[in-house]
Structures are given as structure tokens and as C-alpha cells.
Amino acid sequence: MQIVPWRRREAWQPFGELESLQSEMNKLFDLSLGRWPGRSSGLMESAWSPTVDVLESKDNVMVKADIPGLKKEDIDISVHGDTLTIKGEKKNEKDVKEKNYVKTERFYGSFNRAFTLPSEVDAGKVKASYKEGVLEITLPKKEDAKPKQIKVDVE
């Protein structure tokens, strides 16, 4: 039995208790997903997905994705309804003769990103280009999805 010195009890702090619980849960998940303390690679770090910007103008929705090191044949783009899907695979270099890596931070493998578009687009007029590792997709809006100016007569 452990003897604990008596201390005057302070007011109960529910948020302090929640922070402590969250910290303990994070430690539990770190261990269960293979991320041991001091080790940087684990189950969740092996997955990657490209960073993306989605911009909207009056006539188009523009998507820019950073996916360096891919060939255009390795990229698949589809539009279904109001969802844009970008799939691809970054293949590992096979011509490395020695595997005495000191550190490796580049990601390899397949990715799948899906976005709900802010407006309805005309899937038949979608254009995509891939230059210097940046995929740029232009999705023209349907005519009924474009904002319309309505003139109000004041009497």
C-alpha cells in the first residue's frame, strides 16, 4: 500500500481531466499503430496524398494538385455528379542498387482524393494539364449553376 501525503483538494477542473484523458488516449493509439516513442515511421505515416487547392470563379472551378514524380499515365481523373476524384500511384525507384538509406522521407504508393465541388460542372468540358509536378484541372460550371444578375426596377 502506498501512503500519499494529505493535500488540500482544489476545485474540480473538468477540462483538465479531459486533457489528461486525451493525452492518455493519444499514447495508447501511438503504441497500437506502431509508432513507438522515438520512431518516426508507422502505419499512418506510410499513407500519402497530394496537397490540393480548389478555387472557384464565376465560370469555373479550378483544382491544382501537387503530385511530383508521376507520369500522366499514372493519373486518373473522373467527375461523377458533384464529385471530382483524382487517383494515382507513385512508384518506387527500382534501380537503387544499395539500400543503405540513412533517411528517407519521400512517399510512394497509390492515392485517392475525392472532392465535393462547390457548383455543378459540365463533365464533358473538363480539361486537365500536368506540368512540372502540378496537375491543373479546369471544370467549367453548367450554365444554370453560374450566378445570374437580376435587374430590379425601382418605382
C-alpha atoms as a PDB file:
ATOM      1  CA  MET A   1       0.000   0.000   0.000  1.00  0.00           C
ATOM      2  CA  GLN A   2       1.264   3.422  -0.946  1.00  0.00           C
ATOM      3  CA  ILE A   3       0.999   6.275   1.524  1.00  0.00           C
ATOM      4  CA  VAL A   4       0.068   9.589  -0.086  1.00  0.00           C
ATOM      5  CA  PRO A   5       0.558  12.808   1.848  1.00  0.00           C
ATOM      6  CA  TRP A   6      -2.614  14.750   2.512  1.00  0.00           C
ATOM      7  CA  ARG A   7      -3.111  17.820   0.352  1.00  0.00           C
ATOM      8  CA  ARG A   8      -5.897  20.239   0.359  1.00  0.00           C
ATOM      9  CA  ARG A   9      -8.138  19.448  -2.603  1.00  0.00           C
ATOM     10  CA  GLU A  10      -8.558  22.147  -5.208  1.00  0.00           C
ATOM     11  CA  ALA A  11     -11.718  22.795  -7.197  1.00  0.00           C
ATOM     12  CA  TRP A  12     -12.553  20.167  -9.781  1.00  0.00           C
ATOM     13  CA  GLN A  13     -11.377  21.117 -13.283  1.00  0.00           C
ATOM     14  CA  PRO A  14     -13.285  19.120 -15.896  1.00  0.00           C
ATOM     15  CA  PHE A  15     -11.221  20.416 -18.825  1.00  0.00           C
ATOM     16  CA  GLY A  16      -8.007  19.420 -17.093  1.00  0.00           C
ATOM     17  CA  GLU A  17      -9.428  15.915 -16.709  1.00  0.00           C
ATOM     18  CA  LEU A  18     -10.346  15.852 -20.426  1.00  0.00           C
ATOM     19  CA  GLU A  19      -6.863  16.971 -21.449  1.00  0.00           C
ATOM     20  CA  SER A  20      -5.358  14.221 -19.336  1.00  0.00           C
ATOM     21  CA  LEU A  21      -7.711  11.638 -20.874  1.00  0.00           C
ATOM     22  CA  GLN A  22      -6.869  12.843 -24.396  1.00  0.00           C
ATOM     23  CA  SER A  23      -3.152  12.602 -23.671  1.00  0.00           C
ATOM     24  CA  GLU A  24      -3.521   9.031 -22.419  1.00  0.00           C
ATOM     25  CA  MET A  25      -5.626   8.051 -25.465  1.00  0.00           C
ATOM     26  CA  ASN A  26      -3.028   9.553 -27.820  1.00  0.00           C
ATOM     27  CA  LYS A  27      -0.312   7.484 -26.144  1.00  0.00           C
ATOM     28  CA  LEU A  28      -2.463   4.358 -26.481  1.00  0.00           C
ATOM     29  CA  PHE A  29      -3.097   4.927 -30.204  1.00  0.00           C
ATOM     30  CA  ASP A  30       0.542   5.776 -30.869  1.00  0.00           C
ATOM     31  CA  LEU A  31       1.586   2.421 -29.452  1.00  0.00           C
ATOM     32  CA  SER A  32      -1.163   0.424 -31.160  1.00  0.00           C
ATOM     33  CA  LEU A  33      -0.481   1.919 -34.615  1.00  0.00           C
ATOM     34  CA  GLY A  34       3.195   1.060 -34.493  1.00  0.00           C
ATOM     35  CA  ARG A  35       4.544   4.495 -33.642  1.00  0.00           C
ATOM     36  CA  TRP A  36       6.826   3.689 -30.758  1.00  0.00           C
ATOM     37  CA  PRO A  37       8.365   6.603 -28.917  1.00  0.00           C
ATOM     38  CA  GLY A  38      11.369   7.932 -30.840  1.00  0.00           C
ATOM     39  CA  ARG A  39      10.336   6.190 -34.053  1.00  0.00           C
ATOM     40  CA  SER A  40       9.006   8.390 -36.862  1.00  0.00           C
ATOM     41  CA  SER A  41       7.560   5.841 -39.279  1.00  0.00           C
ATOM     42  CA  GLY A  42       4.413   3.934 -38.528  1.00  0.00           C
ATOM     43  CA  LEU A  43       1.179   2.782 -40.061  1.00  0.00           C
ATOM     44  CA  MET A  44      -0.323   6.222 -40.569  1.00  0.00           C
ATOM     45  CA  GLU A  45       2.845   7.841 -41.913  1.00  0.00           C
ATOM     46  CA  SER A  46       3.091   5.346 -44.783  1.00  0.00           C
ATOM     47  CA  ALA A  47      -0.032   6.759 -46.437  1.00  0.00           C
ATOM     48  CA  TRP A  48       0.256   9.911 -48.503  1.00  0.00           C
ATOM     49  CA  SER A  49      -1.966  12.106 -50.552  1.00  0.00           C
ATOM     50  CA  PRO A  50      -1.171  15.144 -52.650  1.00  0.00           C
ATOM     51  CA  THR A  51      -1.852  18.662 -51.412  1.00  0.00           C
ATOM     52  CA  VAL A  52      -4.646  20.401 -53.288  1.00  0.00           C
ATOM     53  CA  ASP A  53      -6.021  23.921 -53.864  1.00  0.00           C
ATOM     54  CA  VAL A  54      -9.639  24.355 -55.020  1.00  0.00           C
ATOM     55  CA  LEU A  55     -10.505  27.763 -56.474  1.00  0.00           C
ATOM     56  CA  GLU A  56     -13.867  28.985 -57.727  1.00  0.00           C
ATOM     57  CA  SER A  57     -14.502  31.789 -60.209  1.00  0.00           C
ATOM     58  CA  LYS A  58     -17.686  32.973 -61.910  1.00  0.00           C
ATOM     59  CA  ASP A  59     -17.319  30.470 -64.780  1.00  0.00           C
ATOM     60  CA  ASN A  60     -15.052  27.658 -63.497  1.00  0.00           C
ATOM     61  CA  VAL A  61     -13.896  25.557 -60.616  1.00  0.00           C
ATOM     62  CA  MET A  62     -10.107  25.116 -60.699  1.00  0.00           C
ATOM     63  CA  VAL A  63      -8.235  22.348 -58.876  1.00  0.00           C
ATOM     64  CA  LYS A  64      -4.449  22.322 -58.521  1.00  0.00           C
ATOM     65  CA  ALA A  65      -2.720  19.275 -57.035  1.00  0.00           C
ATOM     66  CA  ASP A  66       0.983  18.820 -56.271  1.00  0.00           C
ATOM     67  CA  ILE A  67       1.946  15.346 -57.471  1.00  0.00           C
ATOM     68  CA  PRO A  68       5.609  15.423 -58.499  1.00  0.00           C
ATOM     69  CA  GLY A  69       7.321  12.377 -59.915  1.00  0.00           C
ATOM     70  CA  LEU A  70       4.291  10.885 -61.682  1.00  0.00           C
ATOM     71  CA  LYS A  71       3.763  10.282 -65.363  1.00  0.00           C
ATOM     72  CA  LYS A  72       0.492  11.430 -66.865  1.00  0.00           C
ATOM     73  CA  GLU A  73      -0.378   7.764 -67.493  1.00  0.00           C
ATOM     74  CA  ASP A  74      -0.281   7.173 -63.718  1.00  0.00           C
ATOM     75  CA  ILE A  75      -3.031   9.750 -63.038  1.00  0.00           C
ATOM     76  CA  ASP A  76      -6.780   9.038 -63.305  1.00  0.00           C
ATOM     77  CA  ILE A  77      -9.351  11.862 -63.082  1.00  0.00           C
ATOM     78  CA  SER A  78     -13.126  11.359 -63.015  1.00  0.00           C
ATOM     79  CA  VAL A  79     -16.191  13.523 -62.384  1.00  0.00           C
ATOM     80  CA  HIS A  80     -19.413  11.928 -61.195  1.00  0.00           C
ATOM     81  CA  GLY A  81     -22.208  14.324 -60.287  1.00  0.00           C
ATOM     82  CA  ASP A  82     -20.711  16.946 -57.983  1.00  0.00           C
ATOM     83  CA  THR A  83     -17.698  14.802 -57.003  1.00  0.00           C
ATOM     84  CA  LEU A  84     -14.216  15.047 -58.510  1.00  0.00           C
ATOM     85  CA  THR A  85     -11.924  12.060 -57.929  1.00  0.00           C
ATOM     86  CA  ILE A  86      -8.161  12.064 -58.510  1.00  0.00           C
ATOM     87  CA  LYS A  87      -6.352   8.716 -58.321  1.00  0.00           C
ATOM     88  CA  GLY A  88      -2.777   7.814 -58.997  1.00  0.00           C
ATOM     89  CA  GLU A  89       0.253   5.840 -58.000  1.00  0.00           C
ATOM     90  CA  LYS A  90       3.784   6.992 -57.351  1.00  0.00           C
ATOM     91  CA  LYS A  91       6.064   4.053 -57.997  1.00  0.00           C
ATOM     92  CA  ASN A  92       9.225   3.371 -56.020  1.00  0.00           C
ATOM     93  CA  GLU A  93      12.531   3.669 -57.844  1.00  0.00           C
ATOM     94  CA  LYS A  94      13.681   0.176 -58.788  1.00  0.00           C
ATOM     95  CA  ASP A  95      17.213   0.977 -59.970  1.00  0.00           C
ATOM     96  CA  VAL A  96      18.648   1.640 -56.487  1.00  0.00           C
ATOM     97  CA  LYS A  97      21.472  -0.877 -56.110  1.00  0.00           C
ATOM     98  CA  GLU A  98      22.309  -0.323 -52.451  1.00  0.00           C
ATOM     99  CA  LYS A  99      19.675   0.087 -49.773  1.00  0.00           C
ATOM    100  CA  ASN A 100      21.834   1.757 -47.157  1.00  0.00           C
ATOM    101  CA  TYR A 101      19.487   4.672 -46.670  1.00  0.00           C
ATOM    102  CA  VAL A 102      20.363   6.988 -43.814  1.00  0.00           C
ATOM    103  CA  LYS A 103      16.981   8.689 -44.061  1.00  0.00           C
ATOM    104  CA  THR A 104      14.064   8.534 -46.463  1.00  0.00           C
ATOM    105  CA  GLU A 105      11.165  10.998 -46.448  1.00  0.00           C
ATOM    106  CA  ARG A 106       9.674  10.625 -49.917  1.00  0.00           C
ATOM    107  CA  PHE A 107       6.371   8.797 -50.173  1.00  0.00           C
ATOM    108  CA  TYR A 108       5.441   6.073 -52.631  1.00  0.00           C
ATOM    109  CA  GLY A 109       2.236   4.205 -53.281  1.00  0.00           C
ATOM    110  CA  SER A 110      -1.263   4.883 -54.504  1.00  0.00           C
ATOM    111  CA  PHE A 111      -3.535   7.751 -53.528  1.00  0.00           C
ATOM    112  CA  ASN A 112      -7.208   8.559 -53.965  1.00  0.00           C
ATOM    113  CA  ARG A 113      -8.624  12.053 -53.327  1.00  0.00           C
ATOM    114  CA  ALA A 114     -12.310  12.878 -53.748  1.00  0.00           C
ATOM    115  CA  PHE A 115     -13.817  16.373 -53.504  1.00  0.00           C
ATOM    116  CA  THR A 116     -17.360  17.618 -53.414  1.00  0.00           C
ATOM    117  CA  LEU A 117     -17.387  20.512 -55.843  1.00  0.00           C
ATOM    118  CA  PRO A 118     -18.961  23.822 -54.784  1.00  0.00           C
ATOM    119  CA  SER A 119     -21.055  24.051 -58.002  1.00  0.00           C
ATOM    120  CA  GLU A 120     -22.396  21.743 -60.699  1.00  0.00           C
ATOM    121  CA  VAL A 121     -19.883  21.352 -63.502  1.00  0.00           C
ATOM    122  CA  ASP A 122     -20.136  20.307 -67.124  1.00  0.00           C
ATOM    123  CA  ALA A 123     -18.253  16.979 -67.079  1.00  0.00           C
ATOM    124  CA  GLY A 124     -17.957  16.938 -70.891  1.00  0.00           C
ATOM    125  CA  LYS A 125     -15.873  20.129 -70.929  1.00  0.00           C
ATOM    126  CA  VAL A 126     -13.379  19.322 -68.152  1.00  0.00           C
ATOM    127  CA  LYS A 127      -9.739  19.974 -69.092  1.00  0.00           C
ATOM    128  CA  ALA A 128      -6.616  18.831 -67.282  1.00  0.00           C
ATOM    129  CA  SER A 129      -2.923  19.605 -67.709  1.00  0.00           C
ATOM    130  CA  TYR A 130       0.138  18.274 -65.915  1.00  0.00           C
ATOM    131  CA  LYS A 131       3.323  20.336 -65.909  1.00  0.00           C
ATOM    132  CA  GLU A 132       6.344  20.339 -63.580  1.00  0.00           C
ATOM    133  CA  GLY A 133       4.617  18.156 -60.986  1.00  0.00           C
ATOM    134  CA  VAL A 134       1.427  20.232 -60.780  1.00  0.00           C
ATOM    135  CA  LEU A 135      -1.880  18.808 -62.011  1.00  0.00           C
ATOM    136  CA  GLU A 136      -4.289  21.571 -63.004  1.00  0.00           C
ATOM    137  CA  ILE A 137      -7.950  20.703 -63.656  1.00  0.00           C
ATOM    138  CA  THR A 138     -10.408  23.249 -65.058  1.00  0.00           C
ATOM    139  CA  LEU A 139     -14.063  22.343 -64.511  1.00  0.00           C
ATOM    140  CA  PRO A 140     -16.469  24.703 -66.332  1.00  0.00           C
ATOM    141  CA  LYS A 141     -19.697  25.383 -64.464  1.00  0.00           C
ATOM    142  CA  LYS A 142     -23.035  24.479 -66.009  1.00  0.00           C
ATOM    143  CA  GLU A 143     -24.974  27.481 -67.231  1.00  0.00           C
ATOM    144  CA  ASP A 144     -27.698  27.061 -64.584  1.00  0.00           C
ATOM    145  CA  ALA A 145     -25.044  26.954 -61.831  1.00  0.00           C
ATOM    146  CA  LYS A 146     -23.489  30.290 -62.809  1.00  0.00           C
ATOM    147  CA  PRO A 147     -24.607  33.338 -60.849  1.00  0.00           C
ATOM    148  CA  LYS A 148     -27.123  35.476 -62.673  1.00  0.00           C
ATOM    149  CA  GLN A 149     -27.623  39.210 -62.431  1.00  0.00           C
ATOM    150  CA  ILE A 150     -31.265  40.143 -61.924  1.00  0.00           C
ATOM    151  CA  LYS A 151     -32.218  43.728 -62.543  1.00  0.00           C
ATOM    152  CA  VAL A 152     -34.736  45.181 -60.122  1.00  0.00           C
ATOM    153  CA  ASP A 153     -36.829  48.123 -61.271  1.00  0.00           C
ATOM    154  CA  VAL A 154     -37.436  50.731 -58.596  1.00  0.00           C
ATOM    155  CA  GLU A 155     -40.681  52.659 -58.931  1.00  0.00           C
END
